[in-house]
Protein backbone atom coordinates (compact mmCIF):
# COMPACT_ATOMS: atom_id res chain seq x y z
CA UNK A 1 17.85 3.50 32.51
CA UNK A 2 17.21 2.05 29.06
CA UNK A 3 14.09 4.16 28.66
CA UNK A 4 15.97 7.27 29.73
CA UNK A 5 18.74 6.50 27.24
CA UNK A 6 16.18 6.03 24.45
CA UNK A 7 14.53 9.31 25.37
CA UNK A 8 17.86 11.14 25.22
CA UNK A 9 18.69 9.57 21.85
CA UNK A 10 15.32 10.67 20.48
CA UNK A 11 15.80 14.20 21.76
CA UNK A 12 19.33 14.29 20.33
CA UNK A 13 18.12 13.14 16.91
CA UNK A 14 15.27 15.64 17.01
CA UNK A 15 17.71 18.43 17.83
CA UNK A 16 20.04 17.28 15.04
CA UNK A 17 17.19 17.33 12.52
CA UNK A 18 16.21 20.83 13.61
CA UNK A 19 19.86 21.95 13.37
CA UNK A 20 20.21 20.65 9.80
CA UNK A 21 17.02 22.49 8.85
CA UNK A 22 18.27 25.70 10.46
CA UNK A 23 21.65 25.49 8.69
CA UNK A 24 20.02 24.95 5.29
CA UNK A 25 17.58 27.78 5.81
CA UNK A 26 20.17 30.29 7.03
CA UNK A 27 23.07 29.46 4.68
CA UNK A 28 21.15 28.42 1.51
CA UNK A 29 24.11 26.41 0.08
CA UNK A 30 22.29 24.56 -2.72
CA UNK A 31 23.01 26.09 -6.16
CA UNK A 32 19.96 26.86 -8.24
CA UNK A 33 17.51 26.78 -5.35
CA UNK A 34 15.70 29.78 -3.95
CA UNK A 35 15.48 30.50 -0.25
CA UNK A 36 11.92 29.17 -0.24
CA UNK A 37 12.86 25.87 -1.90
CA UNK A 38 15.86 25.40 0.42
CA UNK A 39 13.71 26.12 3.45
CA UNK A 40 11.16 23.54 2.33
CA UNK A 41 13.91 20.93 1.92
CA UNK A 42 15.34 21.72 5.34
CA UNK A 43 11.96 21.52 7.06
CA UNK A 44 11.17 18.24 5.31
CA UNK A 45 14.50 16.74 6.42
CA UNK A 46 13.74 17.72 9.99
CA UNK A 47 10.27 16.17 9.77
CA UNK A 48 11.66 12.91 8.32
CA UNK A 49 14.17 12.65 11.19
CA UNK A 50 11.39 13.26 13.70
CA UNK A 51 9.19 10.64 12.04
CA UNK A 52 12.00 8.09 12.13
CA UNK A 53 12.88 8.73 15.77
CA UNK A 54 9.27 9.05 16.92
CA UNK A 55 10.03 12.07 19.08
CA UNK A 56 6.42 13.20 18.57
CA UNK A 57 3.31 11.45 17.26
CA UNK A 58 3.37 11.34 13.47
CA UNK A 59 0.45 13.67 12.95
CA UNK A 60 1.91 16.21 15.41
CA UNK A 61 5.19 16.27 13.48
CA UNK A 62 3.19 16.72 10.27
CA UNK A 63 1.37 19.70 11.78
CA UNK A 64 4.68 21.24 12.90
CA UNK A 65 6.07 20.77 9.39
CA UNK A 66 3.02 22.38 7.80
CA UNK A 67 3.15 25.39 10.13
CA UNK A 68 6.87 25.89 9.39
CA UNK A 69 6.17 25.70 5.65
CA UNK A 70 3.79 28.63 6.02
CA UNK A 71 5.66 30.71 8.64
CA UNK A 72 9.31 30.07 7.70
CA UNK A 73 9.28 29.08 4.02
CA UNK A 74 6.44 31.37 3.01
CA UNK A 75 4.39 28.65 1.33
CA UNK A 76 0.74 29.59 0.94
CA UNK A 77 -1.82 28.06 3.27
CA UNK A 78 -3.76 26.87 0.24
CA UNK A 79 -0.84 24.82 -1.07
CA UNK A 80 0.20 23.47 2.34
CA UNK A 81 -3.27 22.18 3.16
CA UNK A 82 -4.42 21.61 -0.41
CA UNK A 83 -5.26 17.94 0.13
CA UNK A 84 -8.03 18.78 2.58
CA UNK A 85 -9.80 20.69 -0.20
CA UNK A 86 -9.25 17.92 -2.75
CA UNK A 87 -11.39 14.94 -3.67
CA UNK A 88 -8.61 12.57 -2.51
CA UNK A 89 -8.95 13.31 1.20
CA UNK A 90 -12.75 13.13 1.17
CA UNK A 91 -12.60 9.92 -0.83
CA UNK A 92 -10.30 8.43 1.80
CA UNK A 93 -12.67 9.56 4.55
CA UNK A 94 -15.53 7.74 2.84
CA UNK A 95 -13.35 4.64 2.30
CA UNK A 96 -12.30 4.60 5.97
CA UNK A 97 -15.96 4.93 6.97
CA UNK A 98 -16.93 2.06 4.65
CA UNK A 99 -14.35 -0.01 6.51
CA UNK A 100 -15.96 0.94 9.83
CA UNK A 101 -19.37 -0.09 8.49
CA UNK A 102 -18.01 -3.38 7.17
CA UNK A 103 -16.49 -4.12 10.56
CA UNK A 104 -19.30 -3.04 12.86
CA UNK A 105 -21.98 -4.76 10.77
CA UNK A 106 -20.08 -8.06 10.86
CA UNK A 107 -19.81 -8.19 7.07
CA UNK A 108 -16.02 -7.87 7.18
CA UNK A 109 -15.65 -11.01 9.29
CA UNK A 110 -18.14 -12.90 7.15
CA UNK A 111 -16.15 -12.10 3.99
CA UNK A 112 -12.90 -12.98 5.75
CA UNK A 113 -14.29 -16.34 6.80
CA UNK A 114 -15.56 -16.95 3.25
CA UNK A 115 -12.09 -16.33 1.83
CA UNK A 116 -10.49 -18.51 4.51
CA UNK A 117 -12.88 -21.33 3.63
CA UNK A 118 -12.55 -20.86 -0.14
CA UNK A 119 -8.77 -21.21 -0.01
CA UNK A 120 -7.01 -23.86 2.07
CA UNK A 121 -6.05 -22.54 5.49
CA UNK A 122 -2.37 -22.31 4.74
CA UNK A 123 -0.18 -19.25 4.51
CA UNK A 124 0.72 -20.17 0.94
CA UNK A 125 -2.88 -20.22 -0.23
CA UNK A 126 -3.87 -17.09 1.65
CA UNK A 127 -1.00 -15.20 0.01
CA UNK A 128 -2.33 -16.35 -3.35
CA UNK A 129 -5.80 -15.22 -2.28
CA UNK A 130 -4.53 -11.72 -1.50
CA UNK A 131 -2.65 -11.45 -4.79
CA UNK A 132 -5.66 -12.66 -6.78
CA UNK A 133 -8.14 -10.42 -4.93
CA UNK A 134 -6.08 -7.28 -5.49
CA UNK A 135 -5.46 -8.12 -9.15
CA UNK A 136 -9.12 -8.88 -9.90
CA UNK A 137 -10.40 -5.77 -8.13
CA UNK A 138 -7.74 -3.61 -9.76
CA UNK A 139 -9.64 -2.59 -12.90
CA UNK A 140 -12.92 -2.06 -11.04
CA UNK A 141 -11.99 0.80 -8.71
CA UNK A 142 -9.77 3.59 -10.11
CA UNK A 143 -8.43 4.69 -6.72
CA UNK A 144 -5.56 2.60 -5.34
CA UNK A 145 -5.89 4.34 -1.97
CA UNK A 146 -9.53 3.33 -1.68
CA UNK A 147 -8.69 -0.28 -2.52
CA UNK A 148 -5.96 -0.22 0.11
CA UNK A 149 -8.28 1.25 2.73
CA UNK A 150 -10.92 -1.40 1.99
CA UNK A 151 -8.74 -4.51 1.63
CA UNK A 152 -6.23 -3.94 4.44
CA UNK A 153 -8.83 -4.48 7.22
CA UNK A 154 -10.03 -7.55 5.36
CA UNK A 155 -6.48 -8.94 5.21
CA UNK A 156 -6.04 -8.30 8.95
CA UNK A 157 -9.33 -10.05 9.70
CA UNK A 158 -8.17 -13.08 7.71
CA UNK A 159 -4.87 -13.11 9.57
CA UNK A 160 -6.71 -12.91 12.89
CA UNK A 161 -9.02 -15.76 11.95
CA UNK A 162 -6.02 -17.90 11.03
CA UNK A 163 -4.23 -17.07 14.26
CA UNK A 164 -1.37 -15.04 12.78
CA UNK A 165 0.27 -12.82 15.34
CA UNK A 166 -0.25 -9.17 14.45
CA UNK A 167 3.00 -7.56 13.28
CA UNK A 168 4.47 -11.05 13.10
CA UNK A 169 6.00 -12.54 10.00
CA UNK A 170 2.90 -14.06 8.50
CA UNK A 171 0.67 -11.07 9.17
CA UNK A 172 3.33 -8.90 7.52
CA UNK A 173 3.42 -11.29 4.57
CA UNK A 174 -0.35 -11.08 4.13
CA UNK A 175 -0.20 -7.27 4.22
CA UNK A 176 2.59 -7.26 1.64
CA UNK A 177 0.63 -9.64 -0.61
CA UNK A 178 -2.45 -7.43 -0.31
CA UNK A 179 -0.44 -4.32 -1.24
CA UNK A 180 1.35 -6.06 -4.12
CA UNK A 181 -1.91 -7.42 -5.52
CA UNK A 182 -3.56 -4.00 -5.54
CA UNK A 183 -0.64 -2.08 -6.94
CA UNK A 184 0.96 -4.40 -9.50
CA UNK A 185 -2.06 -4.51 -11.77
CA UNK A 186 -2.29 -0.69 -11.88
CA UNK A 187 0.44 -0.01 -14.50
CA UNK A 188 -0.97 -2.73 -16.77
CA UNK A 189 -4.60 -1.60 -16.94
CA UNK A 190 -5.33 2.08 -17.48
CA UNK A 191 -8.62 2.02 -15.57
CA UNK A 192 -7.00 0.57 -12.45
CA UNK A 193 -5.70 3.98 -11.35
CA UNK A 194 -6.17 7.64 -12.15
CA UNK A 195 -2.39 7.73 -12.59
CA UNK A 196 -2.79 5.56 -15.69
CA UNK A 197 -5.13 8.09 -17.26
CA UNK A 198 -2.69 10.89 -16.37
CA UNK A 199 0.18 9.02 -18.03
CA UNK A 200 -1.86 8.36 -21.16
CA UNK A 201 -2.59 12.08 -21.40
CA UNK A 202 1.16 12.83 -21.60
CA UNK A 203 1.65 10.59 -24.65
CA UNK A 204 1.49 12.04 -28.18
CA UNK A 205 -1.83 11.68 -29.96
CA UNK A 206 -0.60 8.99 -32.37
CA UNK A 207 0.72 6.91 -29.46
CA UNK A 208 -2.59 7.26 -27.61
CA UNK A 209 -4.35 5.87 -30.67
CA UNK A 210 -1.91 2.97 -30.76
CA UNK A 211 -2.42 2.08 -27.09
CA UNK A 212 -6.01 1.49 -26.21
CA UNK A 213 -6.84 -0.42 -23.03
CA UNK A 214 -6.38 -3.84 -24.65
CA UNK A 215 -3.08 -3.15 -26.44
CA UNK A 216 -1.72 -1.44 -23.31
CA UNK A 217 -2.43 -4.59 -21.28
CA UNK A 218 -0.88 -6.86 -23.91
CA UNK A 219 2.31 -4.78 -23.96
CA UNK A 220 2.54 -4.78 -20.15
CA UNK A 221 1.56 -8.44 -19.61
CA UNK A 222 5.10 -9.93 -19.26
CA UNK A 223 5.92 -7.36 -16.59
CA UNK A 224 2.75 -8.20 -14.66
CA UNK A 225 3.36 -11.95 -14.73
CA UNK A 226 7.02 -11.66 -13.70
CA UNK A 227 6.36 -9.25 -10.84
CA UNK A 228 3.44 -11.21 -9.39
CA UNK A 229 5.31 -14.52 -9.63
CA UNK A 230 8.50 -13.16 -8.07
CA UNK A 231 6.61 -11.51 -5.23
CA UNK A 232 4.73 -14.69 -4.45
CA UNK A 233 7.97 -16.67 -4.05
CA UNK A 234 9.70 -13.84 -2.16
CA UNK A 235 6.82 -13.41 0.29
CA UNK A 236 6.80 -17.15 0.90
CA UNK A 237 10.56 -17.18 1.42
CA UNK A 238 10.67 -14.12 3.68
CA UNK A 239 7.51 -14.55 5.73
CA UNK A 240 6.44 -18.17 5.33
CA UNK A 241 9.38 -19.49 7.30
CA UNK A 242 10.67 -19.10 10.81
CA UNK A 243 7.35 -18.38 12.52
CA UNK A 244 4.83 -21.06 13.33
CA UNK A 245 1.22 -20.07 12.98
CA UNK A 246 -1.41 -20.95 15.54
CA UNK A 247 -2.34 -23.96 13.45
CA UNK A 248 1.22 -25.22 13.79
CA UNK A 249 0.87 -25.28 17.56
CA UNK A 250 0.01 -28.99 17.52
CA UNK A 251 3.32 -30.48 18.53
CA UNK A 252 4.57 -33.71 17.10
CA UNK A 253 5.42 -35.23 20.46
CA UNK A 254 4.02 -38.69 21.29
CA UNK A 255 1.72 -37.21 23.91
CA UNK A 256 -0.06 -35.14 21.25
CA UNK A 257 -1.05 -37.94 18.94
CA UNK A 258 -4.69 -38.68 18.18
CA UNK A 259 -6.26 -40.81 20.85
CA UNK A 260 -3.53 -40.17 23.42
CA UNK A 261 -4.86 -40.15 26.99
CA UNK A 262 -5.55 -36.73 28.45
CA UNK A 263 -5.06 -35.04 25.10
CA UNK A 264 -8.57 -33.74 24.39
CA UNK A 265 -8.08 -30.35 26.00
CA UNK A 266 -4.79 -29.59 24.21
CA UNK A 267 -6.29 -30.70 20.90
CA UNK A 268 -9.29 -28.42 21.35
CA UNK A 269 -7.10 -25.46 22.25
CA UNK A 270 -4.79 -26.03 19.30
CA UNK A 271 -7.71 -26.30 16.90
CA UNK A 272 -9.16 -23.08 18.26
CA UNK A 273 -5.84 -21.33 17.76
CA UNK A 274 -5.79 -22.75 14.27
CA UNK A 275 -8.97 -20.78 13.62
CA UNK A 276 -11.13 -23.86 13.05
CA UNK A 277 -13.87 -25.52 15.00
CA UNK A 278 -12.74 -28.58 17.00
CA UNK A 279 -13.08 -31.78 15.00
CA UNK A 280 -9.85 -33.42 16.09
CA UNK A 281 -6.19 -33.10 15.28
CA UNK A 282 -6.58 -34.39 11.73
CA UNK A 283 -8.34 -31.23 10.50
CA UNK A 284 -5.62 -28.95 11.83
CA UNK A 285 -2.98 -31.25 10.41
CA UNK A 286 -4.60 -31.10 6.99
CA UNK A 287 -4.56 -27.31 7.00
CA UNK A 288 -0.88 -27.17 7.75
CA UNK A 289 0.24 -30.04 5.53
CA UNK A 290 1.29 -27.67 2.77
CA UNK A 291 3.64 -25.82 5.08
CA UNK A 292 5.01 -28.70 7.11
CA UNK A 293 8.46 -28.24 5.66
CA UNK A 294 8.54 -24.59 6.64
CA UNK A 295 7.62 -24.69 10.29
CA UNK A 296 7.88 -28.29 11.52
CA UNK A 297 9.83 -28.62 14.70
CA UNK A 298 9.94 -24.87 15.36
CA UNK A 299 8.52 -23.28 18.48
CA UNK A 300 5.30 -21.37 17.98
CA UNK A 301 5.74 -17.65 18.21
CA UNK A 302 2.49 -16.90 16.44
CA UNK A 303 -1.00 -17.73 17.54
CA UNK A 304 -3.73 -15.53 18.87
CA UNK A 305 -5.31 -14.80 22.18
CA UNK A 306 -8.15 -17.27 22.56
CA UNK A 307 -10.19 -14.56 24.27
CA UNK A 308 -9.92 -12.29 21.24
CA UNK A 309 -10.48 -14.72 18.39
CA UNK A 310 -13.31 -17.17 18.15
CA UNK A 311 -13.16 -20.41 16.24
CA UNK A 312 -14.50 -20.53 12.72
CA UNK A 313 -18.02 -21.96 12.98
CA UNK A 314 -19.74 -24.19 10.45
CA UNK A 315 -21.73 -21.18 9.32
CA UNK A 316 -22.60 -17.72 10.48
CA UNK A 317 -26.23 -18.14 9.65
CA UNK A 318 -28.18 -15.94 7.27
CA UNK A 319 -27.20 -12.33 6.69
CA UNK A 320 -28.53 -10.00 9.35
CA UNK A 321 -30.54 -6.93 8.38
CA UNK A 322 -27.55 -4.67 9.04
CA UNK A 323 -25.25 -6.91 7.00
CA UNK A 324 -27.71 -6.85 4.08
CA UNK A 325 -27.84 -3.07 4.19
CA UNK A 326 -24.05 -2.79 4.31
CA UNK A 327 -23.67 -5.31 1.50
CA UNK A 328 -26.09 -3.33 -0.67
CA UNK A 329 -24.21 -0.09 0.06
CA UNK A 330 -20.80 -1.57 -0.74
CA UNK A 331 -22.00 -3.27 -3.94
CA UNK A 332 -23.66 -0.13 -5.28
CA UNK A 333 -20.60 1.93 -4.34
CA UNK A 334 -18.15 -0.39 -6.08
CA UNK A 335 -20.33 -0.60 -9.20
CA UNK A 336 -20.60 3.19 -9.40
CA UNK A 337 -16.84 3.55 -8.89
CA UNK A 338 -16.14 1.01 -11.62
CA UNK A 339 -18.51 2.67 -14.09
CA UNK A 340 -17.44 6.26 -13.45
CA UNK A 341 -16.31 6.77 -17.10
CA UNK A 342 -19.91 6.19 -18.20
CA UNK A 343 -21.96 8.20 -15.69
CA UNK A 344 -19.27 10.79 -14.78
CA UNK A 345 -20.26 10.93 -11.11
CA UNK A 346 -17.03 11.51 -9.19
CA UNK A 347 -15.76 8.76 -6.94
CA UNK A 348 -15.72 11.25 -4.06
CA UNK A 349 -19.43 12.00 -4.47
CA UNK A 350 -20.23 8.29 -4.59
CA UNK A 351 -18.15 7.62 -1.49
CA UNK A 352 -19.72 10.42 0.51
CA UNK A 353 -23.19 9.29 -0.58
CA UNK A 354 -22.34 5.83 0.76
CA UNK A 355 -21.28 7.44 4.04
CA UNK A 356 -24.64 9.22 4.31
CA UNK A 357 -26.60 6.06 3.56
CA UNK A 358 -24.72 4.18 6.28
CA UNK A 359 -26.14 6.67 8.76
CA UNK A 360 -29.61 6.78 7.18
CA UNK A 361 -29.89 2.97 7.20
CA UNK A 362 -28.42 2.81 10.72
CA UNK A 363 -25.43 0.69 9.75
CA UNK A 364 -23.26 2.97 11.87
CA UNK A 365 -24.03 5.71 14.37
CA UNK A 366 -22.19 8.83 15.50
CA UNK A 367 -20.21 7.14 18.33
CA UNK A 368 -19.01 4.45 15.89
CA UNK A 369 -18.08 7.12 13.36
CA UNK A 370 -16.11 9.08 15.96
CA UNK A 371 -14.28 6.09 17.38
CA UNK A 372 -13.96 3.93 14.28
CA UNK A 373 -12.41 6.40 11.82
CA UNK A 374 -8.72 7.02 12.45
CA UNK A 375 -8.84 10.81 12.51
CA UNK A 376 -5.19 11.33 13.45
CA UNK A 377 -4.17 9.22 10.46
CA UNK A 378 -6.42 11.21 8.13
CA UNK A 379 -4.82 14.39 9.44
CA UNK A 380 -1.33 13.00 8.80
CA UNK A 381 -2.31 11.76 5.32
CA UNK A 382 -3.83 15.12 4.41
CA UNK A 383 -0.67 17.03 5.27
CA UNK A 384 1.68 14.43 3.77
CA UNK A 385 -0.13 14.34 0.43
CA UNK A 386 -0.03 18.12 0.32
CA UNK A 387 3.75 17.97 -0.11
CA UNK A 388 3.25 17.75 -3.87
CA UNK A 389 1.63 21.18 -3.96
CA UNK A 390 4.26 22.58 -1.58
CA UNK A 391 7.12 21.37 -3.78
CA UNK A 392 5.45 22.72 -6.91
CA UNK A 393 4.99 26.17 -5.37
CA UNK A 394 8.59 26.22 -4.14
CA UNK A 395 9.92 25.27 -7.59
CA UNK A 396 11.55 22.06 -6.40
CA UNK A 397 9.96 19.88 -9.09
CA UNK A 398 11.45 21.87 -11.97
CA UNK A 399 14.87 22.03 -10.29
CA UNK A 400 14.96 18.25 -9.79
CA UNK A 401 14.09 17.51 -13.43
CA UNK A 402 16.57 20.04 -14.82
CA UNK A 403 19.31 18.60 -12.62
CA UNK A 404 18.64 15.03 -13.71
CA UNK A 405 17.90 15.68 -17.40
CA UNK A 406 21.44 14.88 -18.61
CA UNK A 407 21.32 11.53 -16.82
CA UNK A 408 18.32 10.47 -18.92
CA UNK A 409 20.11 11.40 -22.15
CA UNK A 410 23.17 9.33 -21.15
CA UNK A 411 21.05 6.17 -20.90
CA UNK A 412 19.57 6.34 -24.39
CA UNK A 413 22.21 4.18 -26.09
CA UNK A 414 21.25 0.83 -24.55
CA UNK A 415 17.63 -0.37 -24.22
CA UNK A 416 18.28 -2.26 -20.98
CA UNK A 417 20.13 0.65 -19.41
CA UNK A 418 17.42 2.98 -20.64
CA UNK A 419 14.41 1.27 -19.05
CA UNK A 420 16.28 0.23 -15.89
CA UNK A 421 17.90 3.64 -15.55
CA UNK A 422 14.54 5.40 -15.79
CA UNK A 423 13.23 3.04 -13.11
CA UNK A 424 16.15 3.67 -10.72
CA UNK A 425 16.06 7.43 -11.25
CA UNK A 426 12.32 7.34 -10.58
CA UNK A 427 12.87 5.63 -7.23
CA UNK A 428 15.41 8.28 -6.20
CA UNK A 429 13.44 11.30 -7.38
CA UNK A 430 10.23 10.15 -5.73
CA UNK A 431 11.73 11.09 -2.36
CA UNK A 432 11.51 14.71 -3.52
CA UNK A 433 8.66 14.76 -6.03
CA UNK A 434 5.89 13.38 -3.87
CA UNK A 435 2.96 13.31 -6.27
CA UNK A 436 3.00 10.34 -8.65
CA UNK A 437 0.97 12.22 -11.24
CA UNK A 438 3.18 15.32 -10.97
CA UNK A 439 6.31 13.20 -11.32
CA UNK A 440 5.04 11.41 -14.42
CA UNK A 441 3.97 14.70 -16.00
CA UNK A 442 7.40 16.22 -15.36
CA UNK A 443 9.46 13.25 -16.46
CA UNK A 444 7.41 12.71 -19.62
CA UNK A 445 8.10 16.32 -20.62
CA UNK A 446 11.75 15.24 -20.89
CA UNK A 447 11.26 11.67 -22.11
CA UNK A 448 8.79 12.22 -24.97
CA UNK A 449 11.18 14.43 -27.00
CA UNK A 450 14.08 12.10 -26.15
CA UNK A 451 12.09 9.07 -27.32
CA UNK A 452 11.55 10.67 -30.72
CA UNK A 453 15.25 11.45 -31.07
CA UNK A 454 16.43 7.90 -30.28
CA UNK A 455 13.66 5.99 -32.08
CA UNK A 456 11.94 4.58 -28.99
CA UNK A 457 8.19 4.47 -28.47
CA UNK A 458 7.43 6.92 -25.62
CA UNK A 459 5.00 4.40 -24.11
CA UNK A 460 7.97 2.24 -23.07
CA UNK A 461 9.62 5.14 -21.26
CA UNK A 462 6.39 6.17 -19.58
CA UNK A 463 5.65 2.61 -18.49
CA UNK A 464 9.19 2.21 -17.12
CA UNK A 465 8.62 5.23 -14.90
CA UNK A 466 5.10 4.17 -13.94
CA UNK A 467 6.32 0.69 -12.98
CA UNK A 468 8.67 2.15 -10.34
CA UNK A 469 6.75 5.26 -9.31
CA UNK A 470 5.34 3.47 -6.27
CA UNK A 471 7.56 3.60 -3.19
CA UNK A 472 6.85 3.55 0.52
CA UNK A 473 10.30 3.76 2.10
CA UNK A 474 8.92 6.87 3.77
CA UNK A 475 5.22 6.91 4.50
CA UNK A 476 4.60 10.24 2.81
CA UNK A 477 5.64 8.82 -0.57
CA UNK A 478 2.58 6.70 -1.29
CA UNK A 479 -1.13 7.44 -0.82
CA UNK A 480 -2.03 3.77 -1.28
CA UNK A 481 0.43 2.71 1.41
CA UNK A 482 -0.77 5.42 3.79
CA UNK A 483 -4.39 4.44 3.27
CA UNK A 484 -3.75 0.71 3.75
CA UNK A 485 -1.38 1.11 6.70
CA UNK A 486 -3.65 3.42 8.65
CA UNK A 487 -6.85 1.62 7.70
CA UNK A 488 -5.66 -0.96 10.25
CA UNK A 489 -4.04 1.64 12.54
CA UNK A 490 -0.60 0.20 11.78
CA UNK A 491 -1.49 -2.89 13.83
CA UNK A 492 -1.04 -5.53 11.16
CA UNK A 493 2.60 -4.93 10.21
CA UNK A 494 5.44 -2.67 11.30
CA UNK A 495 6.44 0.09 8.93
CA UNK A 496 10.13 -0.79 9.34
CA UNK A 497 9.46 -4.29 7.98
CA UNK A 498 7.25 -3.06 5.16
CA UNK A 499 9.85 -0.44 4.19
CA UNK A 500 12.36 -3.27 3.78
CA UNK A 501 9.93 -5.12 1.55
CA UNK A 502 9.47 -1.97 -0.51
CA UNK A 503 13.06 -2.40 -1.70
CA UNK A 504 12.35 -6.03 -2.56
CA UNK A 505 9.20 -5.13 -4.48
CA UNK A 506 10.91 -2.40 -6.48
CA UNK A 507 13.70 -4.85 -7.34
CA UNK A 508 11.11 -7.25 -8.78
CA UNK A 509 9.68 -4.38 -10.82
CA UNK A 510 13.14 -3.76 -12.30
CA UNK A 511 13.49 -7.46 -13.13
CA UNK A 512 10.09 -7.29 -14.84
CA UNK A 513 11.30 -4.38 -16.97
CA UNK A 514 14.47 -6.24 -17.95
CA UNK A 515 12.48 -9.34 -18.95
CA UNK A 516 10.09 -7.18 -20.98
CA UNK A 517 12.83 -5.58 -23.12
CA UNK A 518 13.10 -8.44 -25.69
CA UNK A 519 9.31 -8.62 -25.82
CA UNK A 520 9.06 -4.88 -26.52
CA UNK A 521 11.79 -5.19 -29.15
CA UNK A 522 9.77 -7.97 -30.82
CA UNK A 523 6.70 -5.68 -30.77
CA UNK A 524 8.75 -2.92 -32.41
CA UNK A 525 8.53 -0.57 -29.42
CA UNK A 526 12.28 -0.52 -28.79
């Protein structure tokens, strides 16, 4: 009966979403919008309702939305499916395939075990590891989506090795730390994302001369430090408590003490769940000492299936031939991505070349390619990222900016209200203006003239928008989130939980802006 009730609720919500779309399309009540733009909004609302309720698989709903854009709203096929003809989609395909090669060759698990060994086997230290990894890799690869697609499977492998229950608290915390590490460094270093280059291009020539890569980083440094620090403590507070990991499964009862009769089997099982080889209870106790205050005395809801996760051995032996080939491919690929400004070979071409070499060197084969790459996710991503072109063709981008222009002018009197207001408005408008680059181009067209009139350096206004332009409340909003989430097939963390953390992360970004205001005033930017 419960399942039947859920099914009826889903169908009711689906019908309600379709009804809202039909009413918008037929009545066109929104002033200043054409029939085409109103139809696009109505269809998008219907699709969002269907995604939330899960009435159809996500990619099926995306296909329905795309077809309605073409048939009902009159959007061109080229705009609707523009992503599939862009370098972004093919770059993601190559990144997903690199992940398959890393996994099937065994290199992914080897790297995961190396990170687990390098940092103490505690949730606290693994969160730090994720934040550091994303921050260090940030300047090397200009595509955030590629970094997400590569590092998300690695984070899940680490969680599995440590016995964190998939979609549990600690696995969700590791995913959040991975995402935060990759993204937070992007606004502070121009080369960390193509969006940074796009923002720099919107600044006046004299401002571009003032902000080279070094001075840009210096101006953004307080924001970076504040956001990373706050997210570390928030992830620990939200996900480091209330769920015992597999390592915490050693109970503190008298029967579980070292040397207790009949205790060998339970000790071996608990050490296996801890993700370590069996050397006695002391080793597992050491690895959880840092978190004793968080999970002591709580029942274990984490852990892993012993049949699915092996213990961490002393060593995995020398690299196999396949691992060496995959390591060479990934190193060359990353180096070429990082040095793109010098050789001008597109990241897409490099990624696809890596894909070809994985086949040539027999790292993967056709069956692995077919089964390992998440094709339904790539289909969903391709359609979702095409929303930017759809909105531009329908004229929605211009309408949104004209509607909100007066709000920007009203904030100019107070520096705190100005930077925070731009951030909040950015979060709201990103539900409608899907492309980050398109949004920054549009908003800077308004903010650059305003900056000159109120005596504010336009870099501050652009950075304030860039700092908050990331959002993943809805999956379609963020390419990096889509790539990371579907690189692990959504198995590591639930979207509903990650959407909640999106609000937390954006709040830390606002705090970082507020803290930076006195610093920017001291630098003469405000």
